[in-house]
């Protein structure tokens, strides 16, 4: 058993030595890691800080642009019409009135559409009335003849009125009343 004890002691001693070596390796690895991390951080600092500075400058410039744009629009609005609020109220009222008129016009157009649809249906029904239309065309010729005859009668009445009026006008000169 004595022999086993020194072996156990030597194993435990080796473990102690290994832990010291491992610690040395671990410390050495940690040093290397820290150095690499610091170098990497320096590289990132070269990128991040200028980028942040550029972002701040761009943000400030954007704010400046928005501020000047709103100031210019305000100046333009004031110089254009100082009573713009009143005019916008009138415009709003006019738009409401226009909207109501458009609604009325739309309702009337709907009614007209319905009426035209009714007329279209009735006209379609009239297309089947060809015999009646032929008879009406004949009546058209008769009406033309009646018109011509009436015109001739008018001419005759005018001529007759002239013939009667001349002798009466001469007789009226003789009568005192």
Foldseek 3Di string as FASTA:
>chain_A
DVVVVVVVVVVVVVVVVVVVVVVVVVVVVVVVVVVVVVVVVVVVCVVPVVVVVVVVVVVVVVVVVVVVVVVVVVVCVCVVDVVVVVVVVVVVVVVVVVVVVVVVVVVVVVVVVVVVVVVVVVVVVCVVVVVVVVVVVVVVVVVVVVVVVVVVVVVVVVVVCVVVVVVVVVVVVVDPD
